[in-house]
Amino acid sequence: MKNYRITVNGTAYDVQVEELGEAAAPAAAVPAAAAPAAAKPSAPAGAVGNISVKAPMPGTVVNVVVTVGQAVKAGADLVFIEAMKMETPVKAPKDGTVATIEVSKGEAVDSGKVLVTLN
């Protein structure tokens, strides 16, 4: 699968394209906004963390390297965001346990979007 951002009449769409063999029939393109969102792993209801880790800049999530319930140390990589062809790690501000993961790989995020919460 390859991720692409396509802009049509000023509206940006994030799409995933799967390369198929020559014998496969082409599939209709669907804007990412209209596609059902993948379930985001999260902690049980009411267990949102008290430390919000936010995106430092707008970009695309290229990797989520933690899981819910995982213990992390201050400075540990949580998520990688690509902006202007550079991958930037988003790190844990302090020791804690991952309570929720609010984004998924390939998702476009704005600056200030909550990526992960920690307890």
PDB file of N, CA and C in Angstrom:
ATOM      1  N   MET A   1       0.844  -1.182   0.000  1.00  0.00           N
ATOM      2  CA  MET A   1       0.000   0.000   0.000  1.00  0.00           C
ATOM      3  C   MET A   1       0.886   1.240   0.000  1.00  0.00           C
ATOM      4  N   LYS A   2       0.483   2.216  -0.753  1.00  0.00           N
ATOM      5  CA  LYS A   2       1.168   3.496  -0.766  1.00  0.00           C
ATOM      6  C   LYS A   2       0.160   4.563  -0.392  1.00  0.00           C
ATOM      7  N   ASN A   3       0.616   5.540   0.386  1.00  0.00           N
ATOM      8  CA  ASN A   3      -0.236   6.649   0.802  1.00  0.00           C
ATOM      9  C   ASN A   3       0.064   7.855  -0.070  1.00  0.00           C
ATOM     10  N   TYR A   4      -1.009   8.519  -0.525  1.00  0.00           N
ATOM     11  CA  TYR A   4      -0.872   9.721  -1.330  1.00  0.00           C
ATOM     12  C   TYR A   4      -1.846  10.771  -0.817  1.00  0.00           C
ATOM     13  N   ARG A   5      -1.477  12.034  -0.959  1.00  0.00           N
ATOM     14  CA  ARG A   5      -2.391  13.135  -0.688  1.00  0.00           C
ATOM     15  C   ARG A   5      -2.699  13.774  -2.026  1.00  0.00           C
ATOM     16  N   ILE A   6      -3.982  13.838  -2.367  1.00  0.00           N
ATOM     17  CA  ILE A   6      -4.429  14.392  -3.642  1.00  0.00           C
ATOM     18  C   ILE A   6      -5.301  15.603  -3.340  1.00  0.00           C
ATOM     19  N   THR A   7      -5.036  16.710  -4.026  1.00  0.00           N
ATOM     20  CA  THR A   7      -5.833  17.910  -3.832  1.00  0.00           C
ATOM     21  C   THR A   7      -6.687  18.140  -5.069  1.00  0.00           C
ATOM     22  N   VAL A   8      -7.996  18.243  -4.845  1.00  0.00           N
ATOM     23  CA  VAL A   8      -8.955  18.477  -5.923  1.00  0.00           C
ATOM     24  C   VAL A   8      -9.752  19.721  -5.563  1.00  0.00           C
ATOM     25  N   ASN A   9      -9.671  20.748  -6.399  1.00  0.00           N
ATOM     26  CA  ASN A   9     -10.383  22.005  -6.174  1.00  0.00           C
ATOM     27  C   ASN A   9     -10.156  22.550  -4.769  1.00  0.00           C
ATOM     28  N   GLY A  10      -8.920  22.467  -4.295  1.00  0.00           N
ATOM     29  CA  GLY A  10      -8.568  23.021  -3.003  1.00  0.00           C
ATOM     30  C   GLY A  10      -8.862  22.127  -1.809  1.00  0.00           C
ATOM     31  N   THR A  11      -9.463  20.951  -2.024  1.00  0.00           N
ATOM     32  CA  THR A  11      -9.747  20.020  -0.936  1.00  0.00           C
ATOM     33  C   THR A  11      -8.757  18.872  -1.002  1.00  0.00           C
ATOM     34  N   ALA A  12      -8.045  18.636   0.110  1.00  0.00           N
ATOM     35  CA  ALA A  12      -7.034  17.576   0.148  1.00  0.00           C
ATOM     36  C   ALA A  12      -7.666  16.264   0.593  1.00  0.00           C
ATOM     37  N   TYR A  13      -7.323  15.180  -0.103  1.00  0.00           N
ATOM     38  CA  TYR A  13      -7.792  13.836   0.241  1.00  0.00           C
ATOM     39  C   TYR A  13      -6.572  12.948   0.439  1.00  0.00           C
ATOM     40  N   ASP A  14      -6.555  12.201   1.557  1.00  0.00           N
ATOM     41  CA  ASP A  14      -5.510  11.215   1.783  1.00  0.00           C
ATOM     42  C   ASP A  14      -6.055   9.878   1.295  1.00  0.00           C
ATOM     43  N   VAL A  15      -5.333   9.241   0.387  1.00  0.00           N
ATOM     44  CA  VAL A  15      -5.789   7.970  -0.177  1.00  0.00           C
ATOM     45  C   VAL A  15      -4.685   6.930  -0.065  1.00  0.00           C
ATOM     46  N   GLN A  16      -5.085   5.674  -0.015  1.00  0.00           N
ATOM     47  CA  GLN A  16      -4.148   4.568  -0.036  1.00  0.00           C
ATOM     48  C   GLN A  16      -4.364   3.828  -1.348  1.00  0.00           C
ATOM     49  N   VAL A  17      -3.268   3.480  -2.020  1.00  0.00           N
ATOM     50  CA  VAL A  17      -3.335   2.809  -3.298  1.00  0.00           C
ATOM     51  C   VAL A  17      -2.602   1.482  -3.173  1.00  0.00           C
ATOM     52  N   GLU A  18      -3.258   0.422  -3.590  1.00  0.00           N
ATOM     53  CA  GLU A  18      -2.645  -0.900  -3.557  1.00  0.00           C
ATOM     54  C   GLU A  18      -2.303  -1.306  -4.986  1.00  0.00           C
ATOM     55  N   GLU A  19      -1.059  -1.703  -5.198  1.00  0.00           N
ATOM     56  CA  GLU A  19      -0.627  -2.130  -6.516  1.00  0.00           C
ATOM     57  C   GLU A  19      -1.035  -3.582  -6.710  1.00  0.00           C
ATOM     58  N   LEU A  20      -1.786  -3.841  -7.759  1.00  0.00           N
ATOM     59  CA  LEU A  20      -2.253  -5.186  -8.057  1.00  0.00           C
ATOM     60  C   LEU A  20      -1.567  -5.695  -9.315  1.00  0.00           C
ATOM     61  N   GLY A  21      -1.670  -6.989  -9.557  1.00  0.00           N
ATOM     62  CA  GLY A  21      -1.104  -7.565 -10.775  1.00  0.00           C
ATOM     63  C   GLY A  21      -1.822  -7.052 -11.998  1.00  0.00           C
ATOM     64  N   GLU A  22      -1.276  -7.347 -13.197  1.00  0.00           N
ATOM     65  CA  GLU A  22      -1.850  -6.858 -14.447  1.00  0.00           C
ATOM     66  C   GLU A  22      -3.248  -7.400 -14.712  1.00  0.00           C
ATOM     67  N   ALA A  23      -3.574  -8.573 -14.187  1.00  0.00           N
ATOM     68  CA  ALA A  23      -4.858  -9.198 -14.463  1.00  0.00           C
ATOM     69  C   ALA A  23      -5.989  -8.619 -13.622  1.00  0.00           C
ATOM     70  N   ALA A  24      -5.677  -7.845 -12.595  1.00  0.00           N
ATOM     71  CA  ALA A  24      -6.711  -7.335 -11.705  1.00  0.00           C
ATOM     72  C   ALA A  24      -7.455  -6.164 -12.350  1.00  0.00           C
ATOM     73  N   ALA A  25      -8.737  -6.059 -12.047  1.00  0.00           N
ATOM     74  CA  ALA A  25      -9.555  -4.961 -12.550  1.00  0.00           C
ATOM     75  C   ALA A  25      -9.313  -3.734 -11.691  1.00  0.00           C
ATOM     76  N   PRO A  26      -9.332  -2.531 -12.273  1.00  0.00           N
ATOM     77  CA  PRO A  26      -9.125  -1.330 -11.474  1.00  0.00           C
ATOM     78  C   PRO A  26     -10.283  -1.115 -10.503  1.00  0.00           C
ATOM     79  N   ALA A  27      -9.969  -0.591  -9.333  1.00  0.00           N
ATOM     80  CA  ALA A  27     -10.988  -0.306  -8.321  1.00  0.00           C
ATOM     81  C   ALA A  27     -11.295   1.184  -8.336  1.00  0.00           C
ATOM     82  N   ALA A  28     -12.497   1.550  -7.919  1.00  0.00           N
ATOM     83  CA  ALA A  28     -12.890   2.951  -7.862  1.00  0.00           C
ATOM     84  C   ALA A  28     -12.176   3.633  -6.704  1.00  0.00           C
ATOM     85  N   ALA A  29     -11.719   4.858  -6.928  1.00  0.00           N
ATOM     86  CA  ALA A  29     -11.035   5.604  -5.873  1.00  0.00           C
ATOM     87  C   ALA A  29     -12.066   6.182  -4.915  1.00  0.00           C
ATOM     88  N   VAL A  30     -11.763   6.131  -3.636  1.00  0.00           N
ATOM     89  CA  VAL A  30     -12.653   6.669  -2.618  1.00  0.00           C
ATOM     90  C   VAL A  30     -11.847   7.634  -1.763  1.00  0.00           C
ATOM     91  N   PRO A  31     -12.316   8.870  -1.587  1.00  0.00           N
ATOM     92  CA  PRO A  31     -11.594   9.793  -0.716  1.00  0.00           C
ATOM     93  C   PRO A  31     -11.493   9.217   0.687  1.00  0.00           C
ATOM     94  N   ALA A  32     -10.358   9.475   1.344  1.00  0.00           N
ATOM     95  CA  ALA A  32     -10.135   8.935   2.689  1.00  0.00           C
ATOM     96  C   ALA A  32     -11.207   9.426   3.657  1.00  0.00           C
ATOM     97  N   ALA A  33     -11.695  10.648   3.435  1.00  0.00           N
ATOM     98  CA  ALA A  33     -12.703  11.189   4.338  1.00  0.00           C
ATOM     99  C   ALA A  33     -13.991  10.376   4.276  1.00  0.00           C
ATOM    100  N   ALA A  34     -14.275   9.748   3.136  1.00  0.00           N
ATOM    101  CA  ALA A  34     -15.495   8.978   2.993  1.00  0.00           C
ATOM    102  C   ALA A  34     -15.311   7.524   3.400  1.00  0.00           C
ATOM    103  N   ALA A  35     -14.067   7.079   3.502  1.00  0.00           N
ATOM    104  CA  ALA A  35     -13.799   5.692   3.876  1.00  0.00           C
ATOM    105  C   ALA A  35     -13.978   5.521   5.376  1.00  0.00           C
ATOM    106  N   PRO A  36     -14.423   4.343   5.820  1.00  0.00           N
ATOM    107  CA  PRO A  36     -14.568   4.140   7.256  1.00  0.00           C
ATOM    108  C   PRO A  36     -13.213   4.185   7.942  1.00  0.00           C
ATOM    109  N   ALA A  37     -13.164   4.834   9.072  1.00  0.00           N
ATOM    110  CA  ALA A  37     -11.910   4.970   9.813  1.00  0.00           C
ATOM    111  C   ALA A  37     -11.567   3.676  10.519  1.00  0.00           C
ATOM    112  N   ALA A  38     -10.287   3.368  10.539  1.00  0.00           N
ATOM    113  CA  ALA A  38      -9.837   2.175  11.251  1.00  0.00           C
ATOM    114  C   ALA A  38      -9.999   2.411  12.744  1.00  0.00           C
ATOM    115  N   ALA A  39     -10.328   1.352  13.462  1.00  0.00           N
ATOM    116  CA  ALA A  39     -10.497   1.473  14.907  1.00  0.00           C
ATOM    117  C   ALA A  39      -9.167   1.845  15.544  1.00  0.00           C
ATOM    118  N   LYS A  40      -9.196   2.822  16.415  1.00  0.00           N
ATOM    119  CA  LYS A  40      -7.985   3.256  17.095  1.00  0.00           C
ATOM    120  C   LYS A  40      -7.895   2.518  18.421  1.00  0.00           C
ATOM    121  N   PRO A  41      -6.747   1.915  18.699  1.00  0.00           N
ATOM    122  CA  PRO A  41      -6.627   1.249  19.987  1.00  0.00           C
ATOM    123  C   PRO A  41      -6.742   2.272  21.106  1.00  0.00           C
ATOM    124  N   SER A  42      -7.441   1.917  22.140  1.00  0.00           N
ATOM    125  CA  SER A  42      -7.567   2.834  23.261  1.00  0.00           C
ATOM    126  C   SER A  42      -7.785   2.060  24.544  1.00  0.00           C
ATOM    127  N   ALA A  43      -7.638   2.770  25.625  1.00  0.00           N
ATOM    128  CA  ALA A  43      -7.834   2.175  26.935  1.00  0.00           C
ATOM    129  C   ALA A  43      -9.335   2.068  27.198  1.00  0.00           C
ATOM    130  N   PRO A  44      -9.743   1.316  28.215  1.00  0.00           N
ATOM    131  CA  PRO A  44     -11.159   1.223  28.548  1.00  0.00           C
ATOM    132  C   PRO A  44     -11.750   2.607  28.809  1.00  0.00           C
ATOM    133  N   ALA A  45     -13.074   2.712  28.675  1.00  0.00           N
ATOM    134  CA  ALA A  45     -13.761   3.981  28.858  1.00  0.00           C
ATOM    135  C   ALA A  45     -13.372   4.617  30.186  1.00  0.00           C
ATOM    136  N   GLY A  46     -13.155   5.917  30.167  1.00  0.00           N
ATOM    137  CA  GLY A  46     -12.801   6.638  31.372  1.00  0.00           C
ATOM    138  C   GLY A  46     -11.319   6.561  31.706  1.00  0.00           C
ATOM    139  N   ALA A  47     -10.520   5.906  30.876  1.00  0.00           N
ATOM    140  CA  ALA A  47      -9.111   5.718  31.189  1.00  0.00           C
ATOM    141  C   ALA A  47      -8.201   6.604  30.357  1.00  0.00           C
ATOM    142  N   VAL A  48      -8.726   7.721  29.834  1.00  0.00           N
ATOM    143  CA  VAL A  48      -7.900   8.633  29.051  1.00  0.00           C
ATOM    144  C   VAL A  48      -6.799   9.168  29.952  1.00  0.00           C
ATOM    145  N   GLY A  49      -5.600   9.218  29.411  1.00  0.00           N
ATOM    146  CA  GLY A  49      -4.457   9.656  30.207  1.00  0.00           C
ATOM    147  C   GLY A  49      -4.523  11.120  30.581  1.00  0.00           C
ATOM    148  N   ASN A  50      -3.793  11.482  31.640  1.00  0.00           N
ATOM    149  CA  ASN A  50      -3.804  12.865  32.092  1.00  0.00           C
ATOM    150  C   ASN A  50      -2.680  13.692  31.472  1.00  0.00           C
ATOM    151  N   ILE A  51      -1.823  13.065  30.654  1.00  0.00           N
ATOM    152  CA  ILE A  51      -0.776  13.784  29.933  1.00  0.00           C
ATOM    153  C   ILE A  51      -1.067  13.638  28.437  1.00  0.00           C
ATOM    154  N   SER A  52      -1.361  14.744  27.763  1.00  0.00           N
ATOM    155  CA  SER A  52      -1.623  14.721  26.326  1.00  0.00           C
ATOM    156  C   SER A  52      -0.337  15.043  25.577  1.00  0.00           C
ATOM    157  N   VAL A  53       0.028  14.187  24.635  1.00  0.00           N
ATOM    158  CA  VAL A  53       1.193  14.427  23.791  1.00  0.00           C
ATOM    159  C   VAL A  53       0.654  14.872  22.440  1.00  0.00           C
ATOM    160  N   LYS A  54       0.998  16.093  22.036  1.00  0.00           N
ATOM    161  CA  LYS A  54       0.416  16.701  20.838  1.00  0.00           C
ATOM    162  C   LYS A  54       1.424  16.801  19.702  1.00  0.00           C
ATOM    163  N   ALA A  55       0.889  16.893  18.480  1.00  0.00           N
ATOM    164  CA  ALA A  55       1.722  17.054  17.289  1.00  0.00           C
ATOM    165  C   ALA A  55       2.391  18.427  17.328  1.00  0.00           C
ATOM    166  N   PRO A  56       3.717  18.482  17.148  1.00  0.00           N
ATOM    167  CA  PRO A  56       4.412  19.767  17.176  1.00  0.00           C
ATOM    168  C   PRO A  56       4.261  20.560  15.881  1.00  0.00           C
ATOM    169  N   MET A  57       3.832  19.861  14.802  1.00  0.00           N
ATOM    170  CA  MET A  57       3.664  20.512  13.513  1.00  0.00           C
ATOM    171  C   MET A  57       2.665  19.708  12.688  1.00  0.00           C
ATOM    172  N   PRO A  58       2.105  20.305  11.632  1.00  0.00           N
ATOM    173  CA  PRO A  58       1.230  19.521  10.760  1.00  0.00           C
ATOM    174  C   PRO A  58       2.064  18.537   9.941  1.00  0.00           C
ATOM    175  N   GLY A  59       1.491  17.397   9.627  1.00  0.00           N
ATOM    176  CA  GLY A  59       2.196  16.395   8.834  1.00  0.00           C
ATOM    177  C   GLY A  59       1.389  15.121   8.732  1.00  0.00           C
ATOM    178  N   THR A  60       2.071  14.036   8.388  1.00  0.00           N
ATOM    179  CA  THR A  60       1.444  12.730   8.241  1.00  0.00           C
ATOM    180  C   THR A  60       2.109  11.750   9.193  1.00  0.00           C
ATOM    181  N   VAL A  61       1.294  10.994   9.916  1.00  0.00           N
ATOM    182  CA  VAL A  61       1.831   9.984  10.835  1.00  0.00           C
ATOM    183  C   VAL A  61       2.410   8.856   9.986  1.00  0.00           C
ATOM    184  N   VAL A  62       3.705   8.593  10.155  1.00  0.00           N
ATOM    185  CA  VAL A  62       4.349   7.525   9.378  1.00  0.00           C
ATOM    186  C   VAL A  62       4.597   6.280  10.214  1.00  0.00           C
ATOM    187  N   ASN A  63       4.554   6.420  11.551  1.00  0.00           N
ATOM    188  CA  ASN A  63       4.744   5.243  12.391  1.00  0.00           C
ATOM    189  C   ASN A  63       4.286   5.552  13.811  1.00  0.00           C
ATOM    190  N   VAL A  64       3.593   4.587  14.412  1.00  0.00           N
ATOM    191  CA  VAL A  64       3.227   4.642  15.824  1.00  0.00           C
ATOM    192  C   VAL A  64       4.000   3.506  16.473  1.00  0.00           C
ATOM    193  N   VAL A  65       4.931   3.825  17.367  1.00  0.00           N
ATOM    194  CA  VAL A  65       5.846   2.808  17.877  1.00  0.00           C
ATOM    195  C   VAL A  65       5.528   2.344  19.290  1.00  0.00           C
ATOM    196  N   VAL A  66       4.365   2.732  19.816  1.00  0.00           N
ATOM    197  CA  VAL A  66       3.949   2.282  21.147  1.00  0.00           C
ATOM    198  C   VAL A  66       2.594   1.602  21.061  1.00  0.00           C
ATOM    199  N   THR A  67       2.233   0.903  22.126  1.00  0.00           N
ATOM    200  CA  THR A  67       0.926   0.265  22.218  1.00  0.00           C
ATOM    201  C   THR A  67       0.275   0.684  23.532  1.00  0.00           C
ATOM    202  N   VAL A  68      -1.042   0.580  23.586  1.00  0.00           N
ATOM    203  CA  VAL A  68      -1.771   0.911  24.802  1.00  0.00           C
ATOM    204  C   VAL A  68      -1.311  -0.011  25.922  1.00  0.00           C
ATOM    205  N   GLY A  69      -1.044   0.572  27.078  1.00  0.00           N
ATOM    206  CA  GLY A  69      -0.589  -0.189  28.235  1.00  0.00           C
ATOM    207  C   GLY A  69       0.917  -0.283  28.354  1.00  0.00           C
ATOM    208  N   GLN A  70       1.632   0.164  27.335  1.00  0.00           N
ATOM    209  CA  GLN A  70       3.099   0.089  27.342  1.00  0.00           C
ATOM    210  C   GLN A  70       3.685   1.165  28.257  1.00  0.00           C
ATOM    211  N   ALA A  71       4.637   0.785  29.094  1.00  0.00           N
ATOM    212  CA  ALA A  71       5.353   1.751  29.937  1.00  0.00           C
ATOM    213  C   ALA A  71       6.427   2.420  29.087  1.00  0.00           C
ATOM    214  N   VAL A  72       6.543   3.750  29.217  1.00  0.00           N
ATOM    215  CA  VAL A  72       7.547   4.505  28.470  1.00  0.00           C
ATOM    216  C   VAL A  72       8.325   5.405  29.417  1.00  0.00           C
ATOM    217  N   LYS A  73       9.557   5.664  29.062  1.00  0.00           N
ATOM    218  CA  LYS A  73      10.422   6.576  29.817  1.00  0.00           C
ATOM    219  C   LYS A  73      10.414   7.944  29.146  1.00  0.00           C
ATOM    220  N   ALA A  74      10.724   8.967  29.887  1.00  0.00           N
ATOM    221  CA  ALA A  74      10.830  10.309  29.328  1.00  0.00           C
ATOM    222  C   ALA A  74      11.827  10.288  28.172  1.00  0.00           C
ATOM    223  N   GLY A  75      11.453  10.887  27.047  1.00  0.00           N
ATOM    224  CA  GLY A  75      12.331  10.944  25.882  1.00  0.00           C
ATOM    225  C   GLY A  75      12.162   9.779  24.922  1.00  0.00           C
ATOM    226  N   ALA A  76      11.335   8.781  25.279  1.00  0.00           N
ATOM    227  CA  ALA A  76      11.113   7.637  24.384  1.00  0.00           C
ATOM    228  C   ALA A  76      10.271   8.065  23.185  1.00  0.00           C
ATOM    229  N   ASP A  77      10.584   7.499  22.008  1.00  0.00           N
ATOM    230  CA  ASP A  77       9.805   7.783  20.806  1.00  0.00           C
ATOM    231  C   ASP A  77       8.410   7.182  20.943  1.00  0.00           C
ATOM    232  N   LEU A  78       7.394   7.981  20.568  1.00  0.00           N
ATOM    233  CA  LEU A  78       6.006   7.517  20.603  1.00  0.00           C
ATOM    234  C   LEU A  78       5.447   7.384  19.186  1.00  0.00           C
ATOM    235  N   VAL A  79       5.603   8.451  18.407  1.00  0.00           N
ATOM    236  CA  VAL A  79       5.029   8.555  17.062  1.00  0.00           C
ATOM    237  C   VAL A  79       6.047   9.275  16.184  1.00  0.00           C
ATOM    238  N   PHE A  80       6.068   8.934  14.894  1.00  0.00           N
ATOM    239  CA  PHE A  80       6.892   9.659  13.926  1.00  0.00           C
ATOM    240  C   PHE A  80       5.965  10.373  12.962  1.00  0.00           C
ATOM    241  N   ILE A  81       6.233  11.671  12.736  1.00  0.00           N
ATOM    242  CA  ILE A  81       5.450  12.487  11.813  1.00  0.00           C
ATOM    243  C   ILE A  81       6.359  12.941  10.682  1.00  0.00           C
ATOM    244  N   GLU A  82       5.857  12.825   9.453  1.00  0.00           N
ATOM    245  CA  GLU A  82       6.603  13.319   8.295  1.00  0.00           C
ATOM    246  C   GLU A  82       6.045  14.675   7.888  1.00  0.00           C
ATOM    247  N   ALA A  83       6.943  15.634   7.770  1.00  0.00           N
ATOM    248  CA  ALA A  83       6.590  16.970   7.303  1.00  0.00           C
ATOM    249  C   ALA A  83       7.757  17.473   6.465  1.00  0.00           C
ATOM    250  N   MET A  84       7.467  17.967   5.292  1.00  0.00           N
ATOM    251  CA  MET A  84       8.485  18.494   4.382  1.00  0.00           C
ATOM    252  C   MET A  84       9.585  17.458   4.127  1.00  0.00           C
ATOM    253  N   LYS A  85       9.191  16.221   3.898  1.00  0.00           N
ATOM    254  CA  LYS A  85      10.083  15.109   3.561  1.00  0.00           C
ATOM    255  C   LYS A  85      11.058  14.752   4.682  1.00  0.00           C
ATOM    256  N   MET A  86      10.747  15.165   5.904  1.00  0.00           N
ATOM    257  CA  MET A  86      11.585  14.812   7.052  1.00  0.00           C
ATOM    258  C   MET A  86      10.714  14.119   8.092  1.00  0.00           C
ATOM    259  N   GLU A  87      11.231  13.026   8.667  1.00  0.00           N
ATOM    260  CA  GLU A  87      10.523  12.342   9.743  1.00  0.00           C
ATOM    261  C   GLU A  87      10.983  12.899  11.078  1.00  0.00           C
ATOM    262  N   THR A  88      10.022  13.274  11.900  1.00  0.00           N
ATOM    263  CA  THR A  88      10.314  13.840  13.204  1.00  0.00           C
ATOM    264  C   THR A  88       9.712  12.957  14.287  1.00  0.00           C
ATOM    265  N   PRO A  89      10.524  12.515  15.257  1.00  0.00           N
ATOM    266  CA  PRO A  89       9.958  11.720  16.346  1.00  0.00           C
ATOM    267  C   PRO A  89       9.238  12.624  17.347  1.00  0.00           C
ATOM    268  N   VAL A  90       8.105  12.145  17.841  1.00  0.00           N
ATOM    269  CA  VAL A  90       7.406  12.823  18.933  1.00  0.00           C
ATOM    270  C   VAL A  90       7.693  11.976  20.162  1.00  0.00           C
ATOM    271  N   LYS A  91       8.273  12.586  21.185  1.00  0.00           N
ATOM    272  CA  LYS A  91       8.797  11.847  22.338  1.00  0.00           C
ATOM    273  C   LYS A  91       7.930  12.044  23.577  1.00  0.00           C
ATOM    274  N   ALA A  92       8.021  11.091  24.486  1.00  0.00           N
ATOM    275  CA  ALA A  92       7.301  11.180  25.758  1.00  0.00           C
ATOM    276  C   ALA A  92       7.907  12.309  26.597  1.00  0.00           C
ATOM    277  N   PRO A  93       7.072  13.210  27.120  1.00  0.00           N
ATOM    278  CA  PRO A  93       7.602  14.311  27.925  1.00  0.00           C
ATOM    279  C   PRO A  93       8.066  13.862  29.313  1.00  0.00           C
ATOM    280  N   LYS A  94       7.532  12.737  29.803  1.00  0.00           N
ATOM    281  CA  LYS A  94       7.927  12.209  31.112  1.00  0.00           C
ATOM    282  C   LYS A  94       7.600  10.723  31.159  1.00  0.00           C
ATOM    283  N   ASP A  95       8.056  10.039  32.177  1.00  0.00           N
ATOM    284  CA  ASP A  95       7.763   8.618  32.347  1.00  0.00           C
ATOM    285  C   ASP A  95       6.250   8.426  32.488  1.00  0.00           C
ATOM    286  N   GLY A  96       5.750   7.304  31.989  1.00  0.00           N
ATOM    287  CA  GLY A  96       4.327   7.019  32.127  1.00  0.00           C
ATOM    288  C   GLY A  96       3.937   5.747  31.415  1.00  0.00           C
ATOM    289  N   THR A  97       2.626   5.528  31.346  1.00  0.00           N
ATOM    290  CA  THR A  97       2.049   4.378  30.659  1.00  0.00           C
ATOM    291  C   THR A  97       1.117   4.901  29.583  1.00  0.00           C
ATOM    292  N   VAL A  98       1.189   4.340  28.386  1.00  0.00           N
ATOM    293  CA  VAL A  98       0.341   4.777  27.273  1.00  0.00           C
ATOM    294  C   VAL A  98      -1.106   4.427  27.608  1.00  0.00           C
ATOM    295  N   ALA A  99      -1.961   5.453  27.682  1.00  0.00           N
ATOM    296  CA  ALA A  99      -3.379   5.250  27.987  1.00  0.00           C
ATOM    297  C   ALA A  99      -4.200   5.122  26.710  1.00  0.00           C
ATOM    298  N   THR A 100      -3.967   6.032  25.758  1.00  0.00           N
ATOM    299  CA  THR A 100      -4.689   5.972  24.483  1.00  0.00           C
ATOM    300  C   THR A 100      -3.758   6.364  23.350  1.00  0.00           C
ATOM    301  N   ILE A 101      -4.074   5.857  22.164  1.00  0.00           N
ATOM    302  CA  ILE A 101      -3.401   6.255  20.933  1.00  0.00           C
ATOM    303  C   ILE A 101      -4.495   6.856  20.064  1.00  0.00           C
ATOM    304  N   GLU A 102      -4.366   8.130  19.767  1.00  0.00           N
ATOM    305  CA  GLU A 102      -5.428   8.874  19.093  1.00  0.00           C
ATOM    306  C   GLU A 102      -5.247   8.987  17.580  1.00  0.00           C
ATOM    307  N   VAL A 103      -4.166   8.423  17.020  1.00  0.00           N
ATOM    308  CA  VAL A 103      -3.898   8.517  15.585  1.00  0.00           C
ATOM    309  C   VAL A 103      -3.504   7.147  15.053  1.00  0.00           C
ATOM    310  N   SER A 104      -3.495   7.031  13.739  1.00  0.00           N
ATOM    311  CA  SER A 104      -3.044   5.792  13.109  1.00  0.00           C
ATOM    312  C   SER A 104      -2.093   6.132  11.959  1.00  0.00           C
ATOM    313  N   LYS A 105      -1.335   5.156  11.543  1.00  0.00           N
ATOM    314  CA  LYS A 105      -0.354   5.332  10.465  1.00  0.00           C
ATOM    315  C   LYS A 105      -1.065   5.827   9.209  1.00  0.00           C
ATOM    316  N   GLY A 106      -0.482   6.832   8.566  1.00  0.00           N
ATOM    317  CA  GLY A 106      -1.046   7.383   7.341  1.00  0.00           C
ATOM    318  C   GLY A 106      -1.993   8.543   7.564  1.00  0.00           C
ATOM    319  N   GLU A 107      -2.345   8.815   8.799  1.00  0.00           N
ATOM    320  CA  GLU A 107      -3.292   9.885   9.105  1.00  0.00           C
ATOM    321  C   GLU A 107      -2.620  11.252   9.036  1.00  0.00           C
ATOM    322  N   ALA A 108      -3.292  12.212   8.413  1.00  0.00           N
ATOM    323  CA  ALA A 108      -2.807  13.596   8.375  1.00  0.00           C
ATOM    324  C   ALA A 108      -3.223  14.270   9.679  1.00  0.00           C
ATOM    325  N   VAL A 109      -2.281  14.987  10.297  1.00  0.00           N
ATOM    326  CA  VAL A 109      -2.566  15.668  11.558  1.00  0.00           C
ATOM    327  C   VAL A 109      -2.193  17.133  11.469  1.00  0.00           C
ATOM    328  N   ASP A 110      -2.914  17.949  12.212  1.00  0.00           N
ATOM    329  CA  ASP A 110      -2.606  19.368  12.311  1.00  0.00           C
ATOM    330  C   ASP A 110      -1.757  19.599  13.550  1.00  0.00           C
ATOM    331  N   SER A 111      -1.084  20.707  13.587  1.00  0.00           N
ATOM    332  CA  SER A 111      -0.299  21.086  14.752  1.00  0.00           C
ATOM    333  C   SER A 111      -1.224  21.171  15.964  1.00  0.00           C
ATOM    334  N   GLY A 112      -0.822  20.568  17.078  1.00  0.00           N
ATOM    335  CA  GLY A 112      -1.625  20.605  18.289  1.00  0.00           C
ATOM    336  C   GLY A 112      -2.581  19.441  18.454  1.00  0.00           C
ATOM    337  N   LYS A 113      -2.691  18.581  17.437  1.00  0.00           N
ATOM    338  CA  LYS A 113      -3.576  17.402  17.528  1.00  0.00           C
ATOM    339  C   LYS A 113      -3.016  16.454  18.578  1.00  0.00           C
ATOM    340  N   VAL A 114      -3.879  15.922  19.454  1.00  0.00           N
ATOM    341  CA  VAL A 114      -3.437  14.951  20.453  1.00  0.00           C
ATOM    342  C   VAL A 114      -3.119  13.638  19.748  1.00  0.00           C
ATOM    343  N   LEU A 115      -1.910  13.157  19.930  1.00  0.00           N
ATOM    344  CA  LEU A 115      -1.461  11.924  19.305  1.00  0.00           C
ATOM    345  C   LEU A 115      -1.610  10.742  20.253  1.00  0.00           C
ATOM    346  N   VAL A 116      -1.162  10.942  21.491  1.00  0.00           N
ATOM    347  CA  VAL A 116      -1.116   9.874  22.506  1.00  0.00           C
ATOM    348  C   VAL A 116      -1.416  10.512  23.848  1.00  0.00           C
ATOM    349  N   THR A 117      -2.069   9.759  24.748  1.00  0.00           N
ATOM    350  CA  THR A 117      -2.186  10.220  26.128  1.00  0.00           C
ATOM    351  C   THR A 117      -1.467   9.225  27.031  1.00  0.00           C
ATOM    352  N   LEU A 118      -0.876   9.768  28.089  1.00  0.00           N
ATOM    353  CA  LEU A 118      -0.125   8.957  29.049  1.00  0.00           C
ATOM    354  C   LEU A 118      -0.713   9.145  30.446  1.00  0.00           C
ATOM    355  N   ASN A 119      -0.513   8.147  31.287  1.00  0.00           N
ATOM    356  CA  ASN A 119      -0.845   8.248  32.719  1.00  0.00           C
ATOM    357  C   ASN A 119       0.446   8.293  33.486  1.00  0.00           C
TER     358      ASN A 119
END
